[in-house]
């Protein structure tokens, strides 16, 4: 019998091969330009990132996807997939989310072949009828694992943030201990983000920081890059 808690921990593990380790989602631009150069500056940038894009794009999308599945409103789920692609103005960010989402769907379809809607999502991606987004894939898996909505959102945000922290440990670089301290630092921020997401309207989807979007757009023109985005 599958243990839902252990399965959720596996999904959130930094070793889960979703490809998130290849993406900084614009933070490398700040690192290259020395805006981020130590733990304090990265912590400030991470706080802003969580307050905007992580909350109102990734986290809110996860909540909406979970609700659409729960309501049986599957057409809205596919509309959400298309909207998430359209909302990602930076090409690298759009492609990064698509790659991670597609990889997550493929892996989880192998692990959980009995999850019918996840299999349909994979087929739609293969037929070019859907783009793929990790927030949707995560919500589909968590729903079928019978994880409640609040825990699903918190776990997804944690998985996003811990990937960014591990990438900063490599790129800034930061010490491994600093990385673990940052994971503790973000715990109350994750809880605050979940509360905001639960109260947010669907129309708020995609609210972000213009500076971050510009950094994501400029990343592809950096002369030296460690990450794909």
Protein backbone atom coordinates (compact mmCIF):
# COMPACT_ATOMS: atom_id res chain seq x y z
CA UNK A 1 0.00 0.00 0.00
CA UNK A 2 1.31 3.46 -0.93
CA UNK A 3 1.95 5.73 2.06
CA UNK A 4 0.69 9.19 1.10
CA UNK A 5 3.07 11.07 3.44
CA UNK A 6 6.15 9.22 2.21
CA UNK A 7 5.03 9.68 -1.39
CA UNK A 8 4.65 13.42 -0.81
CA UNK A 9 8.12 13.58 0.73
CA UNK A 10 9.51 11.78 -2.32
CA UNK A 11 7.85 14.30 -4.63
CA UNK A 12 9.35 17.22 -2.67
CA UNK A 13 12.82 15.73 -2.36
CA UNK A 14 15.59 17.79 -3.97
CA UNK A 15 16.85 14.56 -5.58
CA UNK A 16 13.57 14.00 -7.42
CA UNK A 17 14.69 14.29 -11.08
CA UNK A 18 12.24 16.92 -12.31
CA UNK A 19 15.02 19.06 -13.77
CA UNK A 20 14.42 22.00 -11.40
CA UNK A 21 18.15 21.99 -10.55
CA UNK A 22 18.81 23.42 -14.04
CA UNK A 23 16.78 26.60 -13.51
CA UNK A 24 17.23 29.76 -11.43
CA UNK A 25 14.21 31.58 -12.94
CA UNK A 26 16.05 34.86 -13.25
CA UNK A 27 17.97 34.84 -9.96
CA UNK A 28 21.20 34.08 -11.83
CA UNK A 29 20.93 37.50 -13.48
CA UNK A 30 21.11 39.13 -10.04
CA UNK A 31 23.97 36.84 -9.05
CA UNK A 32 25.93 37.71 -12.19
CA UNK A 33 25.44 41.43 -11.57
CA UNK A 34 26.37 41.07 -7.88
CA UNK A 35 22.93 42.10 -6.65
CA UNK A 36 22.94 38.72 -4.94
CA UNK A 37 26.37 37.92 -3.50
CA UNK A 38 25.85 36.42 -0.03
CA UNK A 39 23.24 34.86 2.25
CA UNK A 40 21.68 38.19 3.27
CA UNK A 41 21.17 39.46 -0.28
CA UNK A 42 19.85 36.10 -1.47
CA UNK A 43 17.48 35.93 1.50
CA UNK A 44 16.06 39.36 0.59
CA UNK A 45 15.63 38.35 -3.06
CA UNK A 46 14.01 35.05 -2.07
CA UNK A 47 11.57 36.88 0.20
CA UNK A 48 10.48 39.10 -2.71
CA UNK A 49 10.27 36.14 -5.08
CA UNK A 50 8.05 34.26 -2.64
CA UNK A 51 5.82 37.28 -2.06
CA UNK A 52 5.12 37.62 -5.77
CA UNK A 53 5.74 34.91 -8.35
CA UNK A 54 5.80 31.92 -6.01
CA UNK A 55 2.58 33.01 -4.30
CA UNK A 56 0.49 34.42 -7.14
CA UNK A 57 1.65 32.23 -10.02
CA UNK A 58 2.97 28.88 -8.79
CA UNK A 59 1.09 28.60 -5.51
CA UNK A 60 -2.22 30.02 -6.72
CA UNK A 61 -2.06 27.81 -9.82
CA UNK A 62 -1.58 24.78 -7.58
CA UNK A 63 -4.65 25.74 -5.53
CA UNK A 64 -6.79 26.36 -8.61
CA UNK A 65 -5.72 23.08 -10.22
CA UNK A 66 -6.57 21.19 -7.02
CA UNK A 67 -10.00 22.86 -6.84
CA UNK A 68 -10.80 22.20 -10.50
CA UNK A 69 -10.03 18.50 -10.06
CA UNK A 70 -12.07 18.33 -6.86
CA UNK A 71 -15.03 20.02 -8.60
CA UNK A 72 -14.67 17.84 -11.69
CA UNK A 73 -14.19 20.98 -13.80
CA UNK A 74 -11.53 19.47 -16.06
CA UNK A 75 -11.94 21.95 -18.91
CA UNK A 76 -10.93 24.73 -16.52
CA UNK A 77 -7.82 22.68 -15.71
CA UNK A 78 -6.73 22.71 -19.36
CA UNK A 79 -7.53 26.42 -19.59
CA UNK A 80 -5.29 26.98 -16.57
CA UNK A 81 -2.46 25.14 -18.32
CA UNK A 82 -2.73 27.46 -21.34
CA UNK A 83 -3.02 30.56 -19.16
CA UNK A 84 0.12 29.70 -17.19
CA UNK A 85 2.08 29.44 -20.41
CA UNK A 86 0.72 32.78 -21.64
CA UNK A 87 1.47 34.51 -18.33
CA UNK A 88 5.17 33.60 -18.48
CA UNK A 89 6.43 36.57 -20.50
CA UNK A 90 10.09 35.52 -20.38
CA UNK A 91 10.79 32.80 -22.93
CA UNK A 92 13.24 30.94 -20.68
CA UNK A 93 10.79 30.95 -17.77
CA UNK A 94 8.01 29.67 -20.00
CA UNK A 95 10.23 26.92 -21.39
CA UNK A 96 11.65 26.11 -17.95
CA UNK A 97 8.21 25.55 -16.47
CA UNK A 98 7.18 23.51 -19.50
CA UNK A 99 10.24 21.27 -19.24
CA UNK A 100 9.87 20.73 -15.49
CA UNK A 101 6.13 20.16 -15.81
CA UNK A 102 6.50 17.70 -18.66
CA UNK A 103 9.22 15.79 -16.81
CA UNK A 104 7.18 15.71 -13.61
CA UNK A 105 4.14 14.38 -15.45
CA UNK A 106 6.17 11.65 -17.19
CA UNK A 107 7.89 10.49 -14.02
CA UNK A 108 4.74 10.47 -11.93
CA UNK A 109 2.80 8.66 -14.67
CA UNK A 110 5.32 5.85 -14.36
CA UNK A 111 5.23 5.88 -10.56
CA UNK A 112 1.43 6.15 -10.37
CA UNK A 113 0.08 4.51 -13.49
CA UNK A 114 -3.35 4.20 -11.88
CA UNK A 115 -3.83 7.99 -11.72
CA UNK A 116 -6.21 8.49 -14.66
CA UNK A 117 -6.23 12.29 -14.92
CA UNK A 118 -2.44 12.45 -14.70
CA UNK A 119 -2.24 9.98 -17.60
CA UNK A 120 -4.65 12.17 -19.57
CA UNK A 121 -2.48 15.20 -18.89
CA UNK A 122 0.55 13.32 -20.22
CA UNK A 123 -1.35 12.39 -23.38
CA UNK A 124 -2.49 15.96 -23.93
CA UNK A 125 1.12 17.16 -23.61
CA UNK A 126 2.26 14.51 -26.11
CA UNK A 127 -0.44 15.59 -28.56
CA UNK A 128 0.58 19.26 -28.12
CA UNK A 129 -2.83 20.00 -26.64
CA UNK A 130 -1.28 21.12 -23.33
CA UNK A 131 2.02 22.72 -22.39
CA UNK A 132 2.72 21.15 -19.01
CA UNK A 133 3.27 23.02 -15.75
CA UNK A 134 4.69 21.67 -12.47
CA UNK A 135 1.98 23.33 -10.34
CA UNK A 136 -0.74 21.41 -12.19
CA UNK A 137 1.19 18.13 -12.20
CA UNK A 138 1.89 18.43 -8.46
CA UNK A 139 -1.76 19.18 -7.69
CA UNK A 140 -2.97 16.18 -9.72
CA UNK A 141 -0.62 13.78 -7.93
CA UNK A 142 -1.33 15.19 -4.47
CA UNK A 143 -5.09 15.02 -5.02
CA UNK A 144 -4.93 11.35 -6.01
CA UNK A 145 -2.66 10.69 -3.03
CA UNK A 146 -5.47 12.17 -0.89
CA UNK A 147 -3.31 14.98 0.46
CA UNK A 148 -5.52 17.86 1.58
CA UNK A 149 -5.47 21.15 -0.30
CA UNK A 150 -3.58 23.24 2.28
CA UNK A 151 -0.82 20.64 2.68
CA UNK A 152 -0.59 20.29 -1.10
CA UNK A 153 -0.04 24.02 -1.59
CA UNK A 154 2.51 24.22 1.25
CA UNK A 155 4.41 21.19 -0.03
CA UNK A 156 4.51 22.54 -3.58
CA UNK A 157 5.81 25.92 -2.46
CA UNK A 158 8.42 24.16 -0.35
CA UNK A 159 9.57 22.11 -3.35
CA UNK A 160 9.91 25.26 -5.48
CA UNK A 161 11.77 27.22 -2.81
CA UNK A 162 14.14 24.46 -1.74
CA UNK A 163 15.21 24.01 -5.38
CA UNK A 164 16.01 27.73 -5.61
CA UNK A 165 17.97 27.56 -2.36
CA UNK A 166 19.99 24.55 -3.50
CA UNK A 167 20.73 26.31 -6.77
CA UNK A 168 21.89 29.40 -4.85
CA UNK A 169 24.18 27.22 -2.73
CA UNK A 170 25.91 26.25 -5.99
CA UNK A 171 25.80 29.57 -7.80
CA UNK A 172 26.42 32.36 -5.25
CA UNK A 173 27.94 30.22 -3.67
CA UNK A 174 26.52 29.71 -0.19
CA UNK A 175 27.56 27.20 2.44
CA UNK A 176 25.50 24.07 2.94
CA UNK A 177 24.74 25.18 6.50
CA UNK A 178 23.53 28.53 5.18
CA UNK A 179 21.24 26.66 2.81
CA UNK A 180 19.69 24.71 5.67
CA UNK A 181 19.26 27.90 7.71
CA UNK A 182 17.43 29.42 4.77
CA UNK A 183 15.07 26.46 4.65
CA UNK A 184 14.16 27.24 8.27
CA UNK A 185 13.89 30.94 7.47
CA UNK A 186 11.29 30.31 4.75
CA UNK A 187 8.98 28.16 6.88
CA UNK A 188 6.89 31.11 8.19
CA UNK A 189 7.02 32.67 4.72
CA UNK A 190 5.53 29.48 3.26
CA UNK A 191 2.74 29.56 5.84
CA UNK A 192 2.04 33.21 5.04
CA UNK A 193 2.02 32.42 1.32
CA UNK A 194 -0.50 29.62 1.83
CA UNK A 195 -2.81 31.99 3.73
CA UNK A 196 -2.60 34.56 0.92
CA UNK A 197 -3.22 31.89 -1.71
CA UNK A 198 -6.29 30.57 0.09
CA UNK A 199 -7.80 34.09 0.11
CA UNK A 200 -6.75 35.07 -3.41
CA UNK A 201 -9.15 35.44 -6.33
CA UNK A 202 -8.48 33.56 -9.56
CA UNK A 203 -8.09 36.96 -11.28
CA UNK A 204 -4.92 37.55 -9.23
CA UNK A 205 -3.15 34.71 -11.01
CA UNK A 206 0.13 35.92 -12.53
CA UNK A 207 0.82 38.91 -10.26
CA UNK A 208 4.59 39.27 -10.08
CA UNK A 209 7.46 41.72 -9.74
CA UNK A 210 8.35 43.56 -12.99
CA UNK A 211 12.01 43.60 -11.93
CA UNK A 212 12.03 39.83 -11.63
CA UNK A 213 10.38 39.38 -15.02
CA UNK A 214 12.96 41.67 -16.61
CA UNK A 215 15.77 39.73 -14.94
CA UNK A 216 14.26 36.53 -16.35
CA UNK A 217 14.16 38.06 -19.84
CA UNK A 218 17.74 39.33 -19.60
CA UNK A 219 19.12 36.01 -18.40
CA UNK A 220 19.39 34.51 -21.88
CA UNK A 221 21.78 37.31 -22.88
CA UNK A 222 24.26 36.77 -20.05
CA UNK A 223 27.76 35.95 -21.34
CA UNK A 224 28.21 33.16 -18.77
CA UNK A 225 25.37 30.99 -17.45
CA UNK A 226 25.16 28.07 -15.06
CA UNK A 227 21.40 27.61 -15.42
CA UNK A 228 19.01 27.24 -18.36
CA UNK A 229 16.80 30.03 -17.05
